[in-house]
């Protein structure tokens, strides 16, 4: 069976549109995380890690998190060391800094926080 040219064009265009929207949907989380990073904010859920800094020399960063009744502490991994922040802000001096939940979050919960480079 051979399809008329107009139907074939509709199928190809429709398939292309669906493919592009799938790619766009897959990139929404990446775009959200990039926008948060540009404003000095992050969000991490279960099994997620967020890179705060990666430099060739030590830099000082202030990382802040607010405790809520559903949250767990934030684990900060910096230059091979680990620390946790339960509430408030803590300064870290390191070349590489990442954050992740320090425990298991409820399925629909993420940790929100802020960070900024501290200039001495």
PDB file of N, CA and C in Angstrom:
ATOM      1  N   UNK A   1       0.841  -1.172   0.000  1.00  0.00           N
ATOM      2  CA  UNK A   1       0.000   0.000   0.000  1.00  0.00           C
ATOM      3  C   UNK A   1       0.890   1.241   0.000  1.00  0.00           C
ATOM      4  N   UNK A   2       0.585   2.148  -0.882  1.00  0.00           N
ATOM      5  CA  UNK A   2       1.350   3.383  -0.968  1.00  0.00           C
ATOM      6  C   UNK A   2       0.472   4.540  -0.514  1.00  0.00           C
ATOM      7  N   UNK A   3       1.016   5.373   0.400  1.00  0.00           N
ATOM      8  CA  UNK A   3       0.275   6.512   0.922  1.00  0.00           C
ATOM      9  C   UNK A   3       0.359   7.687  -0.045  1.00  0.00           C
ATOM     10  N   UNK A   4      -0.731   8.462  -0.141  1.00  0.00           N
ATOM     11  CA  UNK A   4      -0.651   9.681  -0.948  1.00  0.00           C
ATOM     12  C   UNK A   4       0.413  10.616  -0.376  1.00  0.00           C
ATOM     13  N   UNK A   5       1.000  11.405  -1.215  1.00  0.00           N
ATOM     14  CA  UNK A   5       2.095  12.297  -0.831  1.00  0.00           C
ATOM     15  C   UNK A   5       1.694  13.226   0.321  1.00  0.00           C
ATOM     16  N   UNK A   6       0.479  13.754   0.349  1.00  0.00           N
ATOM     17  CA  UNK A   6       0.050  14.676   1.404  1.00  0.00           C
ATOM     18  C   UNK A   6       0.006  13.983   2.760  1.00  0.00           C
ATOM     19  N   UNK A   7      -0.434  12.722   2.796  1.00  0.00           N
ATOM     20  CA  UNK A   7      -0.474  11.994   4.078  1.00  0.00           C
ATOM     21  C   UNK A   7       0.939  11.658   4.539  1.00  0.00           C
ATOM     22  N   UNK A   8       1.802  11.303   3.614  1.00  0.00           N
ATOM     23  CA  UNK A   8       3.181  10.985   3.951  1.00  0.00           C
ATOM     24  C   UNK A   8       3.874  12.218   4.543  1.00  0.00           C
ATOM     25  N   UNK A   9       3.653  13.387   3.946  1.00  0.00           N
ATOM     26  CA  UNK A   9       4.229  14.612   4.458  1.00  0.00           C
ATOM     27  C   UNK A   9       3.703  14.911   5.863  1.00  0.00           C
ATOM     28  N   UNK A  10       2.424  14.689   6.106  1.00  0.00           N
ATOM     29  CA  UNK A  10       1.833  14.914   7.427  1.00  0.00           C
ATOM     30  C   UNK A  10       2.450  13.984   8.463  1.00  0.00           C
ATOM     31  N   UNK A  11       2.678  12.735   8.098  1.00  0.00           N
ATOM     32  CA  UNK A  11       3.282  11.767   9.027  1.00  0.00           C
ATOM     33  C   UNK A  11       4.718  12.184   9.358  1.00  0.00           C
ATOM     34  N   UNK A  12       5.489  12.557   8.350  1.00  0.00           N
ATOM     35  CA  UNK A  12       6.874  12.965   8.579  1.00  0.00           C
ATOM     36  C   UNK A  12       6.919  14.222   9.444  1.00  0.00           C
ATOM     37  N   UNK A  13       6.105  15.230   9.119  1.00  0.00           N
ATOM     38  CA  UNK A  13       6.090  16.470   9.915  1.00  0.00           C
ATOM     39  C   UNK A  13       5.618  16.202  11.337  1.00  0.00           C
ATOM     40  N   UNK A  14       4.575  15.389  11.486  1.00  0.00           N
ATOM     41  CA  UNK A  14       4.068  15.060  12.817  1.00  0.00           C
ATOM     42  C   UNK A  14       5.105  14.320  13.637  1.00  0.00           C
ATOM     43  N   UNK A  15       5.786  13.373  13.002  1.00  0.00           N
ATOM     44  CA  UNK A  15       6.833  12.626  13.701  1.00  0.00           C
ATOM     45  C   UNK A  15       7.980  13.512  14.108  1.00  0.00           C
ATOM     46  N   UNK A  16       8.341  14.451  13.242  1.00  0.00           N
ATOM     47  CA  UNK A  16       9.413  15.391  13.575  1.00  0.00           C
ATOM     48  C   UNK A  16       9.008  16.261  14.746  1.00  0.00           C
ATOM     49  N   UNK A  17       7.775  16.760  14.737  1.00  0.00           N
ATOM     50  CA  UNK A  17       7.289  17.593  15.837  1.00  0.00           C
ATOM     51  C   UNK A  17       7.298  16.817  17.149  1.00  0.00           C
ATOM     52  N   UNK A  18       6.790  15.554  17.105  1.00  0.00           N
ATOM     53  CA  UNK A  18       6.771  14.751  18.330  1.00  0.00           C
ATOM     54  C   UNK A  18       8.180  14.484  18.827  1.00  0.00           C
ATOM     55  N   UNK A  19       9.101  14.233  17.926  1.00  0.00           N
ATOM     56  CA  UNK A  19      10.489  13.998  18.326  1.00  0.00           C
ATOM     57  C   UNK A  19      11.095  15.222  18.977  1.00  0.00           C
ATOM     58  N   UNK A  20      10.828  16.399  18.404  1.00  0.00           N
ATOM     59  CA  UNK A  20      11.363  17.635  18.979  1.00  0.00           C
ATOM     60  C   UNK A  20      10.760  17.920  20.339  1.00  0.00           C
ATOM     61  N   UNK A  21       9.459  17.660  20.507  1.00  0.00           N
ATOM     62  CA  UNK A  21       8.866  17.928  21.818  1.00  0.00           C
ATOM     63  C   UNK A  21       9.374  16.943  22.852  1.00  0.00           C
ATOM     64  N   UNK A  22       9.710  15.731  22.454  1.00  0.00           N
ATOM     65  CA  UNK A  22      10.285  14.779  23.406  1.00  0.00           C
ATOM     66  C   UNK A  22      11.657  15.253  23.863  1.00  0.00           C
ATOM     67  N   UNK A  23      12.449  15.756  22.915  1.00  0.00           N
ATOM     68  CA  UNK A  23      13.767  16.273  23.265  1.00  0.00           C
ATOM     69  C   UNK A  23      13.613  17.476  24.181  1.00  0.00           C
ATOM     70  N   UNK A  24      12.685  18.355  23.862  1.00  0.00           N
ATOM     71  CA  UNK A  24      12.464  19.543  24.694  1.00  0.00           C
ATOM     72  C   UNK A  24      12.038  19.141  26.099  1.00  0.00           C
ATOM     73  N   UNK A  25      11.152  18.170  26.218  1.00  0.00           N
ATOM     74  CA  UNK A  25      10.694  17.728  27.536  1.00  0.00           C
ATOM     75  C   UNK A  25      11.849  17.122  28.331  1.00  0.00           C
ATOM     76  N   UNK A  26      12.720  16.397  27.674  1.00  0.00           N
ATOM     77  CA  UNK A  26      13.849  15.775  28.368  1.00  0.00           C
ATOM     78  C   UNK A  26      14.829  16.819  28.878  1.00  0.00           C
ATOM     79  N   UNK A  27      14.890  17.974  28.209  1.00  0.00           N
ATOM     80  CA  UNK A  27      15.856  18.997  28.594  1.00  0.00           C
ATOM     81  C   UNK A  27      15.307  19.996  29.606  1.00  0.00           C
ATOM     82  N   UNK A  28      14.039  19.922  29.975  1.00  0.00           N
ATOM     83  CA  UNK A  28      13.456  20.885  30.905  1.00  0.00           C
ATOM     84  C   UNK A  28      14.185  20.869  32.238  1.00  0.00           C
ATOM     85  N   UNK A  29      14.460  19.687  32.794  1.00  0.00           N
ATOM     86  CA  UNK A  29      15.167  19.607  34.077  1.00  0.00           C
ATOM     87  C   UNK A  29      16.548  20.228  33.980  1.00  0.00           C
ATOM     88  N   UNK A  30      17.250  19.994  32.886  1.00  0.00           N
ATOM     89  CA  UNK A  30      18.576  20.562  32.699  1.00  0.00           C
ATOM     90  C   UNK A  30      18.499  22.084  32.647  1.00  0.00           C
ATOM     91  N   UNK A  31      17.535  22.606  31.909  1.00  0.00           N
ATOM     92  CA  UNK A  31      17.369  24.055  31.802  1.00  0.00           C
ATOM     93  C   UNK A  31      17.021  24.642  33.164  1.00  0.00           C
ATOM     94  N   UNK A  32      16.111  23.992  33.912  1.00  0.00           N
ATOM     95  CA  UNK A  32      15.758  24.466  35.247  1.00  0.00           C
ATOM     96  C   UNK A  32      16.982  24.537  36.145  1.00  0.00           C
ATOM     97  N   UNK A  33      17.797  23.492  36.143  1.00  0.00           N
ATOM     98  CA  UNK A  33      18.994  23.476  36.990  1.00  0.00           C
ATOM     99  C   UNK A  33      19.996  24.546  36.567  1.00  0.00           C
ATOM    100  N   UNK A  34      20.125  24.788  35.250  1.00  0.00           N
ATOM    101  CA  UNK A  34      21.038  25.829  34.782  1.00  0.00           C
ATOM    102  C   UNK A  34      20.540  27.209  35.200  1.00  0.00           C
ATOM    103  N   UNK A  35      19.231  27.443  35.120  1.00  0.00           N
ATOM    104  CA  UNK A  35      18.670  28.729  35.535  1.00  0.00           C
ATOM    105  C   UNK A  35      18.872  28.949  37.039  1.00  0.00           C
ATOM    106  N   UNK A  36      18.659  27.904  37.829  1.00  0.00           N
ATOM    107  CA  UNK A  36      18.884  28.007  39.267  1.00  0.00           C
ATOM    108  C   UNK A  36      20.352  28.320  39.552  1.00  0.00           C
ATOM    109  N   UNK A  37      21.250  27.638  38.856  1.00  0.00           N
ATOM    110  CA  UNK A  37      22.681  27.842  39.086  1.00  0.00           C
ATOM    111  C   UNK A  37      23.088  29.272  38.754  1.00  0.00           C
ATOM    112  N   UNK A  38      22.519  29.840  37.700  1.00  0.00           N
ATOM    113  CA  UNK A  38      22.862  31.220  37.337  1.00  0.00           C
ATOM    114  C   UNK A  38      22.437  32.195  38.423  1.00  0.00           C
ATOM    115  N   UNK A  39      21.396  31.862  39.172  1.00  0.00           N
ATOM    116  CA  UNK A  39      20.940  32.751  40.241  1.00  0.00           C
ATOM    117  C   UNK A  39      21.534  32.368  41.593  1.00  0.00           C
ATOM    118  N   UNK A  40      22.431  31.373  41.614  1.00  0.00           N
ATOM    119  CA  UNK A  40      23.048  30.958  42.867  1.00  0.00           C
ATOM    120  C   UNK A  40      22.133  30.112  43.725  1.00  0.00           C
ATOM    121  N   UNK A  41      21.238  29.365  43.098  1.00  0.00           N
ATOM    122  CA  UNK A  41      20.316  28.497  43.826  1.00  0.00           C
ATOM    123  C   UNK A  41      20.456  27.075  43.308  1.00  0.00           C
ATOM    124  N   UNK A  42      20.007  26.129  44.103  1.00  0.00           N
ATOM    125  CA  UNK A  42      20.020  24.732  43.674  1.00  0.00           C
ATOM    126  C   UNK A  42      18.818  24.018  44.265  1.00  0.00           C
ATOM    127  N   UNK A  43      18.499  22.890  43.651  1.00  0.00           N
ATOM    128  CA  UNK A  43      17.526  21.961  44.220  1.00  0.00           C
ATOM    129  C   UNK A  43      18.054  20.563  43.956  1.00  0.00           C
ATOM    130  N   UNK A  44      17.962  19.716  44.974  1.00  0.00           N
ATOM    131  CA  UNK A  44      18.409  18.336  44.837  1.00  0.00           C
ATOM    132  C   UNK A  44      17.361  17.421  45.450  1.00  0.00           C
ATOM    133  N   UNK A  45      17.120  16.324  44.777  1.00  0.00           N
ATOM    134  CA  UNK A  45      16.208  15.309  45.274  1.00  0.00           C
ATOM    135  C   UNK A  45      16.986  14.045  45.592  1.00  0.00           C
ATOM    136  N   UNK A  46      16.267  12.981  45.873  1.00  0.00           N
ATOM    137  CA  UNK A  46      16.914  11.698  46.158  1.00  0.00           C
ATOM    138  C   UNK A  46      17.818  11.298  44.998  1.00  0.00           C
ATOM    139  N   UNK A  47      18.984  10.816  45.321  1.00  0.00           N
ATOM    140  CA  UNK A  47      19.962  10.314  44.351  1.00  0.00           C
ATOM    141  C   UNK A  47      20.437  11.383  43.379  1.00  0.00           C
ATOM    142  N   UNK A  48      20.350  12.673  43.750  1.00  0.00           N
ATOM    143  CA  UNK A  48      20.831  13.756  42.899  1.00  0.00           C
ATOM    144  C   UNK A  48      21.979  14.480  43.587  1.00  0.00           C
ATOM    145  N   UNK A  49      22.919  14.936  42.785  1.00  0.00           N
ATOM    146  CA  UNK A  49      24.043  15.721  43.267  1.00  0.00           C
ATOM    147  C   UNK A  49      24.112  16.988  42.427  1.00  0.00           C
ATOM    148  N   UNK A  50      24.398  18.104  43.063  1.00  0.00           N
ATOM    149  CA  UNK A  50      24.519  19.374  42.344  1.00  0.00           C
ATOM    150  C   UNK A  50      25.935  19.907  42.532  1.00  0.00           C
ATOM    151  N   UNK A  51      26.603  20.220  41.444  1.00  0.00           N
ATOM    152  CA  UNK A  51      27.953  20.781  41.480  1.00  0.00           C
ATOM    153  C   UNK A  51      27.867  22.278  41.757  1.00  0.00           C
ATOM    154  N   UNK A  52      28.484  22.713  42.838  1.00  0.00           N
ATOM    155  CA  UNK A  52      28.523  24.133  43.195  1.00  0.00           C
ATOM    156  C   UNK A  52      29.753  24.796  42.587  1.00  0.00           C
ATOM    157  N   UNK A  53      30.913  24.142  42.695  1.00  0.00           N
ATOM    158  CA  UNK A  53      32.160  24.769  42.233  1.00  0.00           C
ATOM    159  C   UNK A  53      33.157  23.716  41.769  1.00  0.00           C
ATOM    160  N   UNK A  54      33.920  24.090  40.752  1.00  0.00           N
ATOM    161  CA  UNK A  54      35.028  23.275  40.268  1.00  0.00           C
ATOM    162  C   UNK A  54      36.100  24.238  39.757  1.00  0.00           C
ATOM    163  N   UNK A  55      37.144  24.423  40.569  1.00  0.00           N
ATOM    164  CA  UNK A  55      38.193  25.398  40.260  1.00  0.00           C
ATOM    165  C   UNK A  55      39.564  24.734  40.356  1.00  0.00           C
ATOM    166  N   UNK A  56      40.573  25.415  39.869  1.00  0.00           N
ATOM    167  CA  UNK A  56      41.951  24.917  39.954  1.00  0.00           C
ATOM    168  C   UNK A  56      42.643  25.353  41.236  1.00  0.00           C
ATOM    169  N   UNK A  57      42.013  26.249  41.981  1.00  0.00           N
ATOM    170  CA  UNK A  57      42.550  26.673  43.277  1.00  0.00           C
ATOM    171  C   UNK A  57      41.380  26.852  44.239  1.00  0.00           C
ATOM    172  N   UNK A  58      41.686  26.924  45.521  1.00  0.00           N
ATOM    173  CA  UNK A  58      40.640  27.077  46.532  1.00  0.00           C
ATOM    174  C   UNK A  58      39.854  28.372  46.333  1.00  0.00           C
ATOM    175  N   UNK A  59      38.551  28.266  46.478  1.00  0.00           N
ATOM    176  CA  UNK A  59      37.638  29.403  46.451  1.00  0.00           C
ATOM    177  C   UNK A  59      36.706  29.247  47.641  1.00  0.00           C
ATOM    178  N   UNK A  60      36.227  30.347  48.173  1.00  0.00           N
ATOM    179  CA  UNK A  60      35.331  30.282  49.322  1.00  0.00           C
ATOM    180  C   UNK A  60      33.888  30.486  48.863  1.00  0.00           C
ATOM    181  N   UNK A  61      33.009  29.587  49.306  1.00  0.00           N
ATOM    182  CA  UNK A  61      31.586  29.655  49.000  1.00  0.00           C
ATOM    183  C   UNK A  61      30.770  29.585  50.278  1.00  0.00           C
ATOM    184  N   UNK A  62      29.705  30.316  50.310  1.00  0.00           N
ATOM    185  CA  UNK A  62      28.723  30.254  51.403  1.00  0.00           C
ATOM    186  C   UNK A  62      27.520  29.483  50.862  1.00  0.00           C
ATOM    187  N   UNK A  63      27.160  28.407  51.565  1.00  0.00           N
ATOM    188  CA  UNK A  63      26.038  27.561  51.165  1.00  0.00           C
ATOM    189  C   UNK A  63      24.978  27.632  52.253  1.00  0.00           C
ATOM    190  N   UNK A  64      23.743  27.897  51.840  1.00  0.00           N
ATOM    191  CA  UNK A  64      22.634  28.074  52.786  1.00  0.00           C
ATOM    192  C   UNK A  64      21.488  27.129  52.457  1.00  0.00           C
ATOM    193  N   UNK A  65      20.879  26.607  53.507  1.00  0.00           N
ATOM    194  CA  UNK A  65      19.701  25.751  53.350  1.00  0.00           C
ATOM    195  C   UNK A  65      18.767  26.039  54.515  1.00  0.00           C
ATOM    196  N   UNK A  66      17.478  25.974  54.260  1.00  0.00           N
ATOM    197  CA  UNK A  66      16.480  26.213  55.301  1.00  0.00           C
ATOM    198  C   UNK A  66      15.796  24.911  55.652  1.00  0.00           C
ATOM    199  N   UNK A  67      15.724  24.634  56.921  1.00  0.00           N
ATOM    200  CA  UNK A  67      15.098  23.401  57.385  1.00  0.00           C
ATOM    201  C   UNK A  67      13.576  23.548  57.330  1.00  0.00           C
ATOM    202  N   UNK A  68      12.959  22.493  56.856  1.00  0.00           N
ATOM    203  CA  UNK A  68      11.494  22.409  56.918  1.00  0.00           C
ATOM    204  C   UNK A  68      11.148  21.077  57.571  1.00  0.00           C
ATOM    205  N   UNK A  69       9.919  20.903  57.893  1.00  0.00           N
ATOM    206  CA  UNK A  69       9.540  19.673  58.602  1.00  0.00           C
ATOM    207  C   UNK A  69       9.695  18.422  57.729  1.00  0.00           C
ATOM    208  N   UNK A  70       9.761  18.571  56.411  1.00  0.00           N
ATOM    209  CA  UNK A  70       9.886  17.428  55.509  1.00  0.00           C
ATOM    210  C   UNK A  70      11.311  17.198  55.019  1.00  0.00           C
ATOM    211  N   UNK A  71      12.227  18.106  55.342  1.00  0.00           N
ATOM    212  CA  UNK A  71      13.564  18.007  54.754  1.00  0.00           C
ATOM    213  C   UNK A  71      14.516  17.199  55.621  1.00  0.00           C
ATOM    214  N   UNK A  72      15.643  16.888  55.031  1.00  0.00           N
ATOM    215  CA  UNK A  72      16.761  16.252  55.717  1.00  0.00           C
ATOM    216  C   UNK A  72      17.937  17.219  55.591  1.00  0.00           C
ATOM    217  N   UNK A  73      18.997  17.030  56.357  1.00  0.00           N
ATOM    218  CA  UNK A  73      20.161  17.914  56.199  1.00  0.00           C
ATOM    219  C   UNK A  73      20.755  17.809  54.788  1.00  0.00           C
ATOM    220  N   UNK A  74      21.533  18.813  54.442  1.00  0.00           N
ATOM    221  CA  UNK A  74      22.218  18.857  53.157  1.00  0.00           C
ATOM    222  C   UNK A  74      23.648  18.370  53.364  1.00  0.00           C
ATOM    223  N   UNK A  75      24.086  17.424  52.545  1.00  0.00           N
ATOM    224  CA  UNK A  75      25.472  16.948  52.613  1.00  0.00           C
ATOM    225  C   UNK A  75      26.306  17.776  51.632  1.00  0.00           C
ATOM    226  N   UNK A  76      27.421  18.319  52.129  1.00  0.00           N
ATOM    227  CA  UNK A  76      28.345  19.078  51.296  1.00  0.00           C
ATOM    228  C   UNK A  76      29.619  18.245  51.158  1.00  0.00           C
ATOM    229  N   UNK A  77      30.005  17.962  49.930  1.00  0.00           N
ATOM    230  CA  UNK A  77      31.205  17.171  49.639  1.00  0.00           C
ATOM    231  C   UNK A  77      32.208  18.134  49.010  1.00  0.00           C
ATOM    232  N   UNK A  78      33.349  18.310  49.680  1.00  0.00           N
ATOM    233  CA  UNK A  78      34.322  19.297  49.202  1.00  0.00           C
ATOM    234  C   UNK A  78      35.737  18.760  49.373  1.00  0.00           C
ATOM    235  N   UNK A  79      36.444  18.652  48.266  1.00  0.00           N
ATOM    236  CA  UNK A  79      37.841  18.201  48.246  1.00  0.00           C
ATOM    237  C   UNK A  79      38.073  16.952  49.091  1.00  0.00           C
ATOM    238  N   UNK A  80      37.214  15.956  48.935  1.00  0.00           N
ATOM    239  CA  UNK A  80      37.386  14.691  49.642  1.00  0.00           C
ATOM    240  C   UNK A  80      36.860  14.667  51.062  1.00  0.00           C
ATOM    241  N   UNK A  81      36.289  15.752  51.523  1.00  0.00           N
ATOM    242  CA  UNK A  81      35.711  15.811  52.874  1.00  0.00           C
ATOM    243  C   UNK A  81      34.195  15.936  52.755  1.00  0.00           C
ATOM    244  N   UNK A  82      33.506  15.689  53.871  1.00  0.00           N
ATOM    245  CA  UNK A  82      32.055  15.832  53.908  1.00  0.00           C
ATOM    246  C   UNK A  82      31.635  16.571  55.164  1.00  0.00           C
ATOM    247  N   UNK A  83      30.573  17.334  55.039  1.00  0.00           N
ATOM    248  CA  UNK A  83      29.978  18.032  56.174  1.00  0.00           C
ATOM    249  C   UNK A  83      28.486  18.129  55.888  1.00  0.00           C
ATOM    250  N   UNK A  84      27.696  18.439  56.900  1.00  0.00           N
ATOM    251  CA  UNK A  84      26.262  18.609  56.681  1.00  0.00           C
ATOM    252  C   UNK A  84      25.811  19.964  57.206  1.00  0.00           C
ATOM    253  N   UNK A  85      24.777  20.480  56.567  1.00  0.00           N
ATOM    254  CA  UNK A  85      24.125  21.716  57.006  1.00  0.00           C
ATOM    255  C   UNK A  85      22.668  21.370  57.251  1.00  0.00           C
ATOM    256  N   UNK A  86      22.212  21.565  58.479  1.00  0.00           N
ATOM    257  CA  UNK A  86      20.807  21.297  58.803  1.00  0.00           C
ATOM    258  C   UNK A  86      19.939  22.518  58.562  1.00  0.00           C
ATOM    259  N   UNK A  87      20.474  23.679  58.900  1.00  0.00           N
ATOM    260  CA  UNK A  87      19.715  24.913  58.783  1.00  0.00           C
ATOM    261  C   UNK A  87      20.696  26.074  58.817  1.00  0.00           C
ATOM    262  N   UNK A  88      20.487  27.080  58.001  1.00  0.00           N
ATOM    263  CA  UNK A  88      21.355  28.235  57.998  1.00  0.00           C
ATOM    264  C   UNK A  88      22.442  28.153  56.948  1.00  0.00           C
ATOM    265  N   UNK A  89      23.515  28.895  57.176  1.00  0.00           N
ATOM    266  CA  UNK A  89      24.588  29.011  56.191  1.00  0.00           C
ATOM    267  C   UNK A  89      25.924  28.574  56.778  1.00  0.00           C
ATOM    268  N   UNK A  90      26.768  28.021  55.921  1.00  0.00           N
ATOM    269  CA  UNK A  90      28.119  27.623  56.304  1.00  0.00           C
ATOM    270  C   UNK A  90      29.050  27.968  55.155  1.00  0.00           C
ATOM    271  N   UNK A  91      30.261  28.439  55.488  1.00  0.00           N
ATOM    272  CA  UNK A  91      31.264  28.752  54.475  1.00  0.00           C
ATOM    273  C   UNK A  91      32.185  27.557  54.272  1.00  0.00           C
ATOM    274  N   UNK A  92      32.555  27.329  53.009  1.00  0.00           N
ATOM    275  CA  UNK A  92      33.458  26.248  52.635  1.00  0.00           C
ATOM    276  C   UNK A  92      34.519  26.814  51.716  1.00  0.00           C
ATOM    277  N   UNK A  93      35.776  26.438  51.963  1.00  0.00           N
ATOM    278  CA  UNK A  93      36.873  26.826  51.094  1.00  0.00           C
ATOM    279  C   UNK A  93      37.426  25.554  50.478  1.00  0.00           C
ATOM    280  N   UNK A  94      37.305  25.453  49.138  1.00  0.00           N
ATOM    281  CA  UNK A  94      37.720  24.240  48.444  1.00  0.00           C
ATOM    282  C   UNK A  94      37.802  24.508  46.944  1.00  0.00           C
ATOM    283  N   UNK A  95      38.381  23.556  46.221  1.00  0.00           N
ATOM    284  CA  UNK A  95      38.413  23.639  44.761  1.00  0.00           C
ATOM    285  C   UNK A  95      37.130  23.066  44.162  1.00  0.00           C
ATOM    286  N   UNK A  96      36.645  21.973  44.747  1.00  0.00           N
ATOM    287  CA  UNK A  96      35.464  21.288  44.228  1.00  0.00           C
ATOM    288  C   UNK A  96      34.430  21.151  45.338  1.00  0.00           C
ATOM    289  N   UNK A  97      33.200  21.566  45.044  1.00  0.00           N
ATOM    290  CA  UNK A  97      32.130  21.495  46.037  1.00  0.00           C
ATOM    291  C   UNK A  97      30.871  20.959  45.359  1.00  0.00           C
ATOM    292  N   UNK A  98      30.281  19.926  45.961  1.00  0.00           N
ATOM    293  CA  UNK A  98      29.015  19.360  45.492  1.00  0.00           C
ATOM    294  C   UNK A  98      28.075  19.235  46.685  1.00  0.00           C
ATOM    295  N   UNK A  99      26.776  19.225  46.409  1.00  0.00           N
ATOM    296  CA  UNK A  99      25.787  19.042  47.469  1.00  0.00           C
ATOM    297  C   UNK A  99      24.802  17.957  47.066  1.00  0.00           C
ATOM    298  N   UNK A 100      24.250  17.285  48.090  1.00  0.00           N
ATOM    299  CA  UNK A 100      23.230  16.253  47.892  1.00  0.00           C
ATOM    300  C   UNK A 100      22.489  16.059  49.209  1.00  0.00           C
ATOM    301  N   UNK A 101      21.316  15.449  49.181  1.00  0.00           N
ATOM    302  CA  UNK A 101      20.612  15.193  50.439  1.00  0.00           C
ATOM    303  C   UNK A 101      21.442  14.265  51.325  1.00  0.00           C
ATOM    304  N   UNK A 102      21.433  14.526  52.630  1.00  0.00           N
ATOM    305  CA  UNK A 102      22.188  13.700  53.574  1.00  0.00           C
ATOM    306  C   UNK A 102      21.379  12.496  54.033  1.00  0.00           C
ATOM    307  N   UNK A 103      20.156  12.372  53.578  1.00  0.00           N
ATOM    308  CA  UNK A 103      19.297  11.247  53.933  1.00  0.00           C
ATOM    309  C   UNK A 103      18.220  11.070  52.879  1.00  0.00           C
ATOM    310  N   UNK A 104      17.303  10.181  53.162  1.00  0.00           N
ATOM    311  CA  UNK A 104      16.215   9.887  52.216  1.00  0.00           C
ATOM    312  C   UNK A 104      15.103  10.913  52.359  1.00  0.00           C
ATOM    313  N   UNK A 105      14.746  11.527  51.231  1.00  0.00           N
ATOM    314  CA  UNK A 105      13.637  12.478  51.182  1.00  0.00           C
ATOM    315  C   UNK A 105      12.349  11.749  50.807  1.00  0.00           C
ATOM    316  N   UNK A 106      11.223  12.313  51.176  1.00  0.00           N
ATOM    317  CA  UNK A 106       9.946  11.799  50.685  1.00  0.00           C
ATOM    318  C   UNK A 106       9.956  11.913  49.166  1.00  0.00           C
ATOM    319  N   UNK A 107       9.194  11.062  48.474  1.00  0.00           N
ATOM    320  CA  UNK A 107       9.256  11.033  47.010  1.00  0.00           C
ATOM    321  C   UNK A 107       9.019  12.380  46.317  1.00  0.00           C
ATOM    322  N   UNK A 108       8.158  13.224  46.816  1.00  0.00           N
ATOM    323  CA  UNK A 108       7.846  14.487  46.146  1.00  0.00           C
ATOM    324  C   UNK A 108       8.568  15.683  46.755  1.00  0.00           C
ATOM    325  N   UNK A 109       9.632  15.451  47.508  1.00  0.00           N
ATOM    326  CA  UNK A 109      10.325  16.537  48.206  1.00  0.00           C
ATOM    327  C   UNK A 109      11.715  16.723  47.611  1.00  0.00           C
ATOM    328  N   UNK A 110      12.123  17.983  47.452  1.00  0.00           N
ATOM    329  CA  UNK A 110      13.492  18.332  47.067  1.00  0.00           C
ATOM    330  C   UNK A 110      14.024  19.354  48.069  1.00  0.00           C
ATOM    331  N   UNK A 111      15.336  19.408  48.194  1.00  0.00           N
ATOM    332  CA  UNK A 111      15.974  20.416  49.044  1.00  0.00           C
ATOM    333  C   UNK A 111      16.325  21.622  48.188  1.00  0.00           C
ATOM    334  N   UNK A 112      15.934  22.799  48.639  1.00  0.00           N
ATOM    335  CA  UNK A 112      16.289  24.049  47.978  1.00  0.00           C
ATOM    336  C   UNK A 112      17.343  24.748  48.809  1.00  0.00           C
ATOM    337  N   UNK A 113      18.277  25.384  48.149  1.00  0.00           N
ATOM    338  CA  UNK A 113      19.277  26.152  48.861  1.00  0.00           C
ATOM    339  C   UNK A 113      19.865  27.226  47.978  1.00  0.00           C
ATOM    340  N   UNK A 114      20.737  28.008  48.570  1.00  0.00           N
ATOM    341  CA  UNK A 114      21.422  29.084  47.855  1.00  0.00           C
ATOM    342  C   UNK A 114      22.914  28.969  48.121  1.00  0.00           C
ATOM    343  N   UNK A 115      23.679  29.511  47.203  1.00  0.00           N
ATOM    344  CA  UNK A 115      25.118  29.593  47.415  1.00  0.00           C
ATOM    345  C   UNK A 115      25.655  30.835  46.730  1.00  0.00           C
ATOM    346  N   UNK A 116      26.777  31.289  47.255  1.00  0.00           N
ATOM    347  CA  UNK A 116      27.441  32.437  46.634  1.00  0.00           C
ATOM    348  C   UNK A 116      28.933  32.331  46.875  1.00  0.00           C
ATOM    349  N   UNK A 117      29.673  32.836  45.948  1.00  0.00           N
ATOM    350  CA  UNK A 117      31.125  32.899  46.094  1.00  0.00           C
ATOM    351  C   UNK A 117      31.439  34.074  46.998  1.00  0.00           C
ATOM    352  N   UNK A 118      32.241  33.834  48.027  1.00  0.00           N
ATOM    353  CA  UNK A 118      32.593  34.865  48.996  1.00  0.00           C
ATOM    354  C   UNK A 118      33.952  35.423  48.587  1.00  0.00           C
ATOM    355  N   UNK A 119      33.977  36.697  48.340  1.00  0.00           N
ATOM    356  CA  UNK A 119      35.238  37.350  47.935  1.00  0.00           C
ATOM    357  C   UNK A 119      35.888  37.950  49.171  1.00  0.00           C
ATOM    358  N   UNK A 120      37.105  37.523  49.442  1.00  0.00           N
ATOM    359  CA  UNK A 120      37.797  37.944  50.654  1.00  0.00           C
ATOM    360  C   UNK A 120      38.599  39.108  50.493  1.00  0.00           C
TER     361      UNK A 120
END
